[in-house]
Amino acid sequence: MTNTKTPIKTTDPLLTHEVLHMTSFLMRSVDTELLEHPAIQKNEHWSTLAEKAHQALFDLYQSIGAASLPDGEQDR
């Protein structure tokens, strides 16, 4: 993790877009590189952990997306 002294403005649309994109990228990577890997598929414990990682990234993606909607359009 980066140690920054200056707080980052998290509502900046560019920063929000950046983290949304990176979350999507990581979610696809977990899907194609881990969930589809034969070693993961043959090991129930590993498969469960990889599925949890994918679900956590999906939940993060949804949360970021919801937070980036204009005021009044969020369900949360």
C-alpha atoms as a PDB file:
ATOM      1  CA  MET A   1       0.000   0.000   0.000  1.00  0.00           C
ATOM      2  CA  THR A   2       1.111   3.500  -0.713  1.00  0.00           C
ATOM      3  CA  ASN A   3       1.748   5.737   2.260  1.00  0.00           C
ATOM      4  CA  THR A   4       0.538   9.198   1.278  1.00  0.00           C
ATOM      5  CA  LYS A   5       0.480  12.252   3.490  1.00  0.00           C
ATOM      6  CA  THR A   6      -1.986  14.186   1.349  1.00  0.00           C
ATOM      7  CA  PRO A   7      -5.550  12.840   1.445  1.00  0.00           C
ATOM      8  CA  ILE A   8      -6.854  11.810  -1.959  1.00  0.00           C
ATOM      9  CA  LYS A   9     -10.169  13.258  -3.054  1.00  0.00           C
ATOM     10  CA  THR A  10     -12.111  10.031  -3.608  1.00  0.00           C
ATOM     11  CA  THR A  11     -15.023  11.709  -5.355  1.00  0.00           C
ATOM     12  CA  ASP A  12     -12.822  12.740  -8.302  1.00  0.00           C
ATOM     13  CA  PRO A  13     -14.514  11.139 -11.339  1.00  0.00           C
ATOM     14  CA  LEU A  14     -11.168  10.210 -12.894  1.00  0.00           C
ATOM     15  CA  LEU A  15     -10.044   8.383  -9.741  1.00  0.00           C
ATOM     16  CA  THR A  16     -13.405   6.662  -9.496  1.00  0.00           C
ATOM     17  CA  HIS A  17     -13.153   5.554 -13.130  1.00  0.00           C
ATOM     18  CA  GLU A  18      -9.622   4.307 -12.502  1.00  0.00           C
ATOM     19  CA  VAL A  19     -10.598   2.107  -9.543  1.00  0.00           C
ATOM     20  CA  LEU A  20     -13.715   0.877 -11.329  1.00  0.00           C
ATOM     21  CA  HIS A  21     -11.583  -0.169 -14.292  1.00  0.00           C
ATOM     22  CA  MET A  22      -8.940  -1.833 -12.099  1.00  0.00           C
ATOM     23  CA  THR A  23     -11.593  -3.717 -10.136  1.00  0.00           C
ATOM     24  CA  SER A  24     -13.086  -4.977 -13.394  1.00  0.00           C
ATOM     25  CA  PHE A  25      -9.644  -6.005 -14.651  1.00  0.00           C
ATOM     26  CA  LEU A  26      -8.847  -7.907 -11.448  1.00  0.00           C
ATOM     27  CA  MET A  27     -12.254  -9.583 -11.436  1.00  0.00           C
ATOM     28  CA  ARG A  28     -11.704 -10.842 -15.001  1.00  0.00           C
ATOM     29  CA  SER A  29      -8.192 -11.979 -14.078  1.00  0.00           C
ATOM     30  CA  VAL A  30      -9.435 -13.983 -11.096  1.00  0.00           C
ATOM     31  CA  ASP A  31     -12.066 -15.520 -13.352  1.00  0.00           C
ATOM     32  CA  THR A  32      -9.797 -16.497 -16.242  1.00  0.00           C
ATOM     33  CA  GLU A  33      -6.525 -17.151 -14.428  1.00  0.00           C
ATOM     34  CA  LEU A  34      -7.791 -18.758 -11.225  1.00  0.00           C
ATOM     35  CA  LEU A  35     -11.370 -20.001 -11.448  1.00  0.00           C
ATOM     36  CA  GLU A  36     -10.722 -21.629 -14.832  1.00  0.00           C
ATOM     37  CA  HIS A  37      -7.366 -23.123 -13.806  1.00  0.00           C
ATOM     38  CA  PRO A  38      -7.417 -26.940 -13.542  1.00  0.00           C
ATOM     39  CA  ALA A  39      -5.491 -26.983 -10.244  1.00  0.00           C
ATOM     40  CA  ILE A  40      -8.030 -24.631  -8.672  1.00  0.00           C
ATOM     41  CA  GLN A  41     -10.968 -26.589 -10.084  1.00  0.00           C
ATOM     42  CA  LYS A  42      -9.637 -29.855  -8.638  1.00  0.00           C
ATOM     43  CA  ASN A  43      -9.155 -28.454  -5.130  1.00  0.00           C
ATOM     44  CA  GLU A  44     -12.427 -27.578  -3.390  1.00  0.00           C
ATOM     45  CA  HIS A  45     -10.748 -25.338  -0.791  1.00  0.00           C
ATOM     46  CA  TRP A  46      -8.831 -23.351  -3.398  1.00  0.00           C
ATOM     47  CA  SER A  47     -11.931 -23.090  -5.558  1.00  0.00           C
ATOM     48  CA  THR A  48     -13.930 -21.725  -2.635  1.00  0.00           C
ATOM     49  CA  LEU A  49     -11.244 -19.137  -1.872  1.00  0.00           C
ATOM     50  CA  ALA A  50     -11.011 -18.072  -5.531  1.00  0.00           C
ATOM     51  CA  GLU A  51     -14.803 -17.738  -5.684  1.00  0.00           C
ATOM     52  CA  LYS A  52     -14.738 -15.575  -2.546  1.00  0.00           C
ATOM     53  CA  ALA A  53     -12.059 -13.362  -4.115  1.00  0.00           C
ATOM     54  CA  HIS A  54     -14.148 -12.995  -7.270  1.00  0.00           C
ATOM     55  CA  GLN A  55     -17.296 -12.223  -5.251  1.00  0.00           C
ATOM     56  CA  ALA A  56     -15.460  -9.639  -3.141  1.00  0.00           C
ATOM     57  CA  LEU A  57     -14.237  -7.887  -6.297  1.00  0.00           C
ATOM     58  CA  PHE A  58     -17.744  -8.037  -7.776  1.00  0.00           C
ATOM     59  CA  ASP A  59     -19.186  -6.472  -4.618  1.00  0.00           C
ATOM     60  CA  LEU A  60     -16.501  -3.767  -4.720  1.00  0.00           C
ATOM     61  CA  TYR A  61     -17.268  -3.069  -8.388  1.00  0.00           C
ATOM     62  CA  GLN A  62     -20.988  -2.719  -7.627  1.00  0.00           C
ATOM     63  CA  SER A  63     -20.302  -0.417  -4.681  1.00  0.00           C
ATOM     64  CA  ILE A  64     -17.986   1.828  -6.685  1.00  0.00           C
ATOM     65  CA  GLY A  65     -20.458   1.924  -9.562  1.00  0.00           C
ATOM     66  CA  ALA A  66     -23.334   2.833  -7.256  1.00  0.00           C
ATOM     67  CA  ALA A  67     -21.282   5.562  -5.576  1.00  0.00           C
ATOM     68  CA  SER A  68     -20.414   7.081  -8.940  1.00  0.00           C
ATOM     69  CA  LEU A  69     -24.055   7.569  -9.947  1.00  0.00           C
ATOM     70  CA  PRO A  70     -25.387  11.111  -9.825  1.00  0.00           C
ATOM     71  CA  ASP A  71     -27.107  12.027  -6.542  1.00  0.00           C
ATOM     72  CA  GLY A  72     -30.535  10.546  -6.244  1.00  0.00           C
ATOM     73  CA  GLU A  73     -29.879   7.587  -8.530  1.00  0.00           C
ATOM     74  CA  GLN A  74     -28.313   5.338  -5.899  1.00  0.00           C
ATOM     75  CA  ASP A  75     -30.326   2.562  -4.307  1.00  0.00           C
ATOM     76  CA  ARG A  76     -28.093   2.565  -1.217  1.00  0.00           C
END
